[in-house]
Protein backbone atom coordinates (compact mmCIF):
# COMPACT_ATOMS: atom_id res chain seq x y z
CA MET A 1 37.68 -33.01 -34.31
CA THR A 2 38.47 -33.40 -38.02
CA LEU A 3 36.12 -36.25 -38.62
CA CYS A 4 33.33 -34.13 -36.64
CA LEU A 5 33.90 -31.07 -38.93
CA ILE A 6 33.83 -33.25 -42.02
CA PHE A 7 30.46 -34.53 -41.20
CA LEU A 8 29.32 -31.19 -40.32
CA TYR A 9 30.16 -29.75 -43.64
CA VAL A 10 28.17 -32.78 -45.49
CA ASN A 11 25.17 -31.94 -43.11
CA GLY A 12 25.63 -28.16 -43.82
CA ILE A 13 25.42 -28.79 -47.57
CA MET A 14 22.25 -31.09 -47.07
CA LEU A 15 20.62 -28.11 -44.85
CA PHE A 16 21.63 -25.63 -47.47
CA THR A 17 19.95 -27.89 -50.18
CA LEU A 18 16.69 -28.19 -48.28
CA SER A 19 16.60 -24.34 -47.50
CA ILE A 20 16.76 -23.14 -51.37
CA ARG A 21 13.69 -25.05 -52.57
CA SER A 22 10.28 -23.95 -51.51
CA THR A 23 8.87 -27.42 -51.89
CA PHE A 24 11.30 -28.71 -49.28
CA ARG A 25 10.41 -25.85 -46.80
CA GLU A 26 6.70 -26.37 -47.12
CA THR A 27 6.71 -30.17 -46.95
CA SER A 28 6.28 -31.70 -43.58
CA ARG A 29 8.73 -34.77 -44.15
CA TYR A 30 11.54 -32.46 -45.26
CA ILE A 31 11.28 -29.89 -42.38
CA LEU A 32 11.38 -33.06 -40.04
CA PHE A 33 14.42 -34.28 -42.11
CA ALA A 34 15.96 -30.63 -41.83
CA HIS A 35 15.37 -30.65 -37.98
CA MET A 36 17.28 -34.08 -37.72
CA LEU A 37 20.10 -32.68 -39.68
CA PHE A 38 20.19 -29.48 -37.44
CA ASN A 39 19.80 -31.72 -34.12
CA ASP A 40 22.42 -34.19 -34.76
CA SER A 41 24.66 -31.44 -36.09
CA ILE A 42 24.52 -29.68 -32.62
CA GLN A 43 24.64 -33.16 -30.88
CA LEU A 44 27.73 -34.03 -32.72
CA LEU A 45 29.45 -30.70 -32.23
CA THR A 46 28.59 -30.59 -28.33
CA SER A 47 29.58 -34.27 -27.72
CA THR A 48 32.78 -33.61 -29.57
CA LEU A 49 33.75 -30.58 -27.45
CA LEU A 50 32.68 -32.57 -24.18
CA TYR A 51 34.91 -35.51 -25.24
CA ILE A 52 37.88 -33.36 -25.93
CA PHE A 53 37.34 -31.38 -22.67
CA SER A 54 37.23 -34.69 -20.72
CA SER A 55 40.27 -36.27 -22.56
CA VAL A 56 42.60 -33.39 -21.71
CA ASN A 57 41.29 -33.02 -18.23
CA LEU A 58 40.19 -29.25 -18.81
CA TYR A 59 38.77 -27.68 -15.98
CA LEU A 60 35.57 -25.27 -16.94
CA LEU A 61 33.32 -23.04 -15.12
CA THR A 62 30.58 -25.36 -13.79
CA GLY A 63 27.78 -23.28 -15.66
CA VAL A 64 29.56 -23.32 -19.10
CA CYS A 65 30.04 -27.18 -18.87
CA ALA A 66 26.24 -27.54 -17.74
CA ILE A 67 25.17 -25.44 -20.60
CA LEU A 68 27.33 -27.77 -22.99
CA PHE A 69 25.72 -31.13 -21.31
CA LEU A 70 22.56 -29.70 -21.30
CA ILE A 71 22.72 -29.03 -25.24
CA ALA A 72 24.10 -32.56 -25.75
CA SER A 73 21.42 -34.12 -23.53
CA ILE A 74 18.35 -32.30 -25.22
CA THR A 75 19.56 -33.12 -28.71
CA TYR A 76 20.25 -36.63 -28.00
CA CYS A 77 16.73 -37.22 -26.67
CA ASN A 78 15.25 -35.35 -29.60
CA SER A 79 16.85 -37.81 -32.18
CA PRO A 80 14.50 -40.75 -31.44
CA LEU A 81 11.52 -38.37 -31.09
CA ASN A 82 12.22 -37.09 -34.39
CA LEU A 83 12.06 -40.26 -35.80
CA ALA A 84 8.75 -41.01 -34.35
CA MET A 85 7.51 -37.85 -35.85
CA MET A 86 8.93 -38.70 -39.42
CA ALA A 87 7.31 -42.53 -39.10
CA LEU A 88 4.04 -40.84 -38.14
CA GLU A 89 4.09 -38.55 -40.85
CA ARG A 90 4.68 -41.27 -43.39
CA TYR A 91 1.68 -43.37 -41.67
CA ILE A 92 -0.63 -40.29 -42.11
CA ALA A 93 0.43 -39.86 -45.91
CA ILE A 94 -0.35 -43.72 -46.85
CA CYS A 95 -3.15 -44.47 -44.40
CA PHE A 96 -5.12 -41.01 -44.69
CA PRO A 97 -3.86 -39.74 -47.97
CA LEU A 98 -6.97 -37.18 -48.27
CA ARG A 99 -6.41 -35.60 -44.94
CA HIS A 100 -2.42 -35.67 -45.01
CA SER A 101 -2.22 -32.17 -46.53
CA GLU A 102 -4.46 -31.00 -43.89
CA ILE A 103 -2.77 -32.64 -40.75
CA ALA A 104 0.74 -32.52 -41.77
CA THR A 105 1.17 -28.61 -42.37
CA PRO A 106 4.20 -26.73 -42.02
CA THR A 107 2.81 -24.86 -38.92
CA ARG A 108 1.70 -28.10 -37.36
CA THR A 109 5.05 -29.63 -37.90
CA GLY A 110 6.85 -26.77 -36.28
CA THR A 111 4.47 -26.91 -33.35
CA ALA A 112 5.42 -30.62 -32.97
CA ILE A 113 9.04 -29.80 -33.11
CA GLY A 114 8.62 -27.18 -30.29
CA VAL A 115 6.78 -29.90 -28.21
CA MET A 116 9.53 -32.51 -28.97
CA TRP A 117 12.29 -29.92 -27.48
CA PHE A 118 10.18 -29.36 -24.38
CA PHE A 119 9.60 -32.92 -23.55
CA SER A 120 13.33 -33.66 -24.40
CA SER A 121 14.58 -30.91 -21.80
CA LEU A 122 12.04 -31.86 -19.22
CA LYS A 123 14.38 -34.19 -17.33
CA ASP A 124 17.56 -31.84 -17.68
CA ILE A 125 15.39 -28.95 -16.66
CA ILE A 126 14.31 -30.90 -13.30
CA CYS A 127 18.10 -31.84 -12.54
CA ILE A 128 19.24 -28.05 -13.09
CA LEU A 129 16.51 -26.79 -10.84
CA ASN A 130 17.32 -29.11 -8.24
CA ILE A 131 20.97 -27.94 -8.24
CA LEU A 132 19.94 -24.29 -8.03
CA VAL A 133 17.54 -25.08 -5.18
CA ASN A 134 19.91 -27.20 -3.07
CA GLU A 135 23.36 -25.65 -4.13
CA PRO A 136 22.79 -22.07 -5.73
CA LEU A 137 26.39 -21.19 -5.82
CA TYR A 138 27.62 -24.51 -7.54
CA PHE A 139 27.66 -23.38 -11.07
CA LEU A 140 30.13 -20.60 -10.20
CA THR A 141 32.79 -23.27 -9.40
CA SER A 142 35.39 -24.81 -11.79
CA VAL A 143 34.87 -28.56 -12.34
CA HIS A 144 36.41 -31.32 -14.69
CA CYS A 145 33.80 -31.48 -17.45
CA THR A 146 31.81 -34.85 -17.09
CA SER A 147 28.12 -35.79 -16.87
CA ASN A 148 28.50 -36.02 -13.14
CA ILE A 149 28.02 -32.18 -12.88
CA ILE A 150 24.44 -32.58 -13.63
CA PHE A 151 23.78 -35.83 -11.61
CA ARG A 152 24.93 -34.67 -8.50
CA ARG A 153 22.60 -37.01 -6.61
CA LYS A 154 21.81 -40.59 -7.75
CA ILE A 155 18.01 -40.07 -7.72
CA LEU A 156 18.78 -37.27 -10.54
CA PHE A 157 20.48 -39.88 -12.64
CA ASP A 158 17.59 -42.15 -12.24
CA VAL A 159 15.10 -39.74 -13.15
CA SER A 160 17.17 -38.77 -16.24
CA THR A 161 17.59 -42.57 -17.24
CA ALA A 162 13.80 -43.17 -16.67
CA PHE A 163 12.91 -40.44 -18.95
CA THR A 164 15.15 -41.53 -21.69
CA ALA A 165 14.09 -45.16 -21.39
CA LEU A 166 10.54 -44.15 -21.60
CA TYR A 167 11.22 -41.97 -24.53
CA PHE A 168 12.94 -45.00 -26.55
CA VAL A 169 10.37 -47.44 -25.54
CA ALA A 170 7.51 -44.95 -26.68
CA VAL A 171 9.27 -44.25 -30.01
CA THR A 172 9.87 -47.99 -30.57
CA LEU A 173 6.06 -48.88 -30.20
CA ILE A 174 5.17 -45.94 -32.46
CA ILE A 175 7.64 -47.08 -35.32
CA ILE A 176 6.18 -50.61 -34.89
CA TYR A 177 2.67 -49.40 -35.08
CA THR A 178 3.33 -47.46 -38.05
CA TYR A 179 5.04 -50.13 -39.78
CA VAL A 180 2.42 -52.68 -39.40
CA ALA A 181 -0.49 -50.36 -40.23
CA ILE A 182 1.39 -49.56 -43.45
CA MET A 183 1.86 -53.24 -44.14
CA LEU A 184 -1.69 -53.80 -43.54
CA GLU A 185 -2.43 -50.76 -45.86
CA ALA A 186 -0.22 -52.40 -48.78
CA ARG A 187 -2.31 -55.36 -48.51
CA SER A 188 -5.48 -54.01 -49.03
CA VAL A 189 -4.88 -51.23 -51.65
CA SER A 190 -4.67 -52.21 -55.34
CA SER A 191 -3.14 -49.30 -56.87
CA GLY A 192 -0.31 -46.95 -55.25
CA LYS A 193 1.81 -49.99 -54.23
CA VAL A 194 4.98 -48.35 -54.98
CA SER A 195 4.44 -45.33 -52.80
CA VAL A 196 3.11 -47.66 -49.99
CA THR A 197 6.44 -49.64 -50.47
CA LYS A 198 8.56 -46.80 -50.28
CA ALA A 199 6.68 -45.63 -46.94
CA ARG A 200 7.07 -49.04 -45.62
CA ASN A 201 11.08 -49.07 -46.44
CA THR A 202 11.36 -45.64 -45.00
CA VAL A 203 9.57 -46.59 -41.61
CA LEU A 204 11.90 -49.84 -41.68
CA LEU A 205 14.78 -47.27 -42.12
CA HIS A 206 13.75 -45.50 -38.91
CA PHE A 207 14.15 -48.81 -36.98
CA PHE A 208 17.83 -48.98 -38.13
CA GLN A 209 18.18 -45.20 -37.34
CA LEU A 210 16.92 -45.96 -34.06
CA ALA A 211 19.21 -48.76 -33.32
CA LEU A 212 22.08 -46.33 -34.20
CA CYS A 213 20.50 -43.84 -31.24
CA LEU A 214 20.85 -46.77 -29.03
CA THR A 215 24.35 -47.64 -29.61
CA SER A 216 25.48 -44.23 -27.51
CA PHE A 217 23.66 -45.99 -24.48
CA LEU A 218 26.79 -48.66 -24.88
CA TYR A 219 29.39 -45.69 -24.79
CA GLY A 220 29.17 -45.26 -21.12
CA VAL A 221 28.75 -48.80 -20.04
CA LEU A 222 32.03 -49.88 -22.13
CA GLU A 223 33.97 -46.81 -21.02
CA SER A 224 33.33 -47.78 -17.50
CA LEU A 225 34.47 -51.34 -18.04
CA ALA A 226 37.74 -49.92 -19.80
CA SER A 227 38.56 -47.50 -16.92
CA ASN A 228 40.51 -49.84 -14.93
CA LEU A 229 42.86 -50.56 -17.83
CA ASP A 230 46.50 -48.86 -18.22
CA GLY A 231 46.00 -44.94 -18.92
CA SER A 232 47.45 -45.23 -22.63
CA VAL A 233 45.25 -48.04 -23.51
CA PHE A 234 42.27 -46.63 -21.68
CA LEU A 235 42.62 -43.61 -23.95
CA THR A 236 42.77 -45.39 -27.01
CA ILE A 237 39.78 -47.65 -26.40
CA GLN A 238 38.03 -44.45 -25.18
CA TYR A 239 38.71 -42.80 -28.53
CA ILE A 240 37.58 -45.75 -30.55
CA LEU A 241 34.38 -46.02 -28.66
CA PHE A 242 33.77 -42.41 -29.11
CA ILE A 243 34.24 -42.65 -33.04
CA VAL A 244 32.05 -45.90 -33.44
CA LEU A 245 29.47 -45.42 -30.88
CA ILE A 246 29.07 -41.51 -30.89
CA ILE A 247 30.44 -40.14 -34.20
CA PHE A 248 29.57 -42.66 -36.97
CA PRO A 249 25.69 -43.16 -35.73
CA ARG A 250 25.15 -39.36 -35.78
CA CYS A 251 26.65 -39.06 -39.24
CA LEU A 252 25.20 -42.04 -40.83
CA SER A 253 21.59 -41.77 -40.21
CA PRO A 254 21.08 -38.39 -41.83
CA LEU A 255 23.44 -39.10 -44.59
CA ILE A 256 21.50 -42.60 -45.22
CA TYR A 257 18.12 -40.94 -45.27
CA GLY A 258 18.97 -38.33 -47.25
CA LEU A 259 20.70 -39.95 -49.95
CA ARG A 260 17.84 -42.72 -50.70
CA ASP A 261 15.47 -39.78 -51.46
CA GLU A 262 15.22 -39.66 -55.12
CA SER A 263 13.99 -35.90 -55.07
CA PHE A 264 16.91 -34.77 -52.80
CA ARG A 265 19.74 -36.80 -53.72
CA PRO A 266 20.61 -35.20 -57.05
CA LEU A 267 20.54 -31.71 -55.61
CA VAL A 268 22.77 -32.83 -52.91
CA LYS A 269 25.27 -34.31 -55.12
CA TYR A 270 24.95 -31.23 -57.46
CA TYR A 271 25.74 -28.69 -54.50
CA PHE A 272 28.33 -30.86 -52.82
CA MET A 273 30.37 -31.18 -56.10
CA PHE A 274 29.79 -27.45 -57.07
CA ALA A 275 31.44 -26.62 -53.35
CA LEU A 276 34.21 -28.74 -53.87
CA SER A 277 34.86 -27.44 -57.63
CA ASN A 278 35.06 -23.82 -56.30
CA ARG A 279 37.35 -24.96 -53.32
CA VAL A 280 39.76 -26.26 -55.92
CA LYS A 281 39.46 -23.22 -58.30
CA HIS A 282 39.93 -21.01 -55.52
CA HIS A 283 43.15 -22.82 -54.36
CA SER A 284 44.69 -22.91 -57.67
CA ASP A 285 43.76 -19.31 -58.34
CA THR A 286 45.58 -18.47 -54.99
CA ILE A 287 48.72 -20.58 -56.15
């Protein structure tokens, strides 16, 4: 939980930095980055809470547990879809520079984010409605909080897996397409090669971020394989897997993306150091 709070604090500094400049608030690229920070912070917090509840064998009201799992699941699917939107924004900026300001407006970006949330929640809404129709009183019971509370039937698990796989395949194809298109544009232009190279590297970074998202798929598989081990050994392995496959990918992805931006990085460093110096000064004044 401590590690989670540290990264949430860093994400909070970056979100604050994005909110204070009108340039950031009105630029599609930074709006999508802010959404990525917000989404990954929620996903990180809910995943950590679900892990803690599972580790201590805590029983919760099924409805409460379902809401937590629903938020974690939706924000998990949002991550790759947001990467696709960011790659498309760079593609438009490089391949259609004259129309970029017309296409990538703050209003349209907000609409795209709304559509993203709709598609991410679609599979979970299907699961919830299925339970409400077949077992209307189920959410009033108390359960050990795991994903099994949503996937009551195998077909629901299969539907969720199919949706998630479809999203990741679609995002992969979009990122490949935008990368190839930017590469071809880089060969054809005689000027502005620096901006084209930066855009190409940004899209390449999205491949790395997508790979980080995919690592969380391994968590359930490896956890199942380790479940037959001794209790203390299993808990240790489960903790390591959670840190490596869930916590770090959600934290490193926005951190790397944000700190490589030349306009954004100096401001983040300033506000981060300003916050730390204020904490130190407040602590010394208290003493």
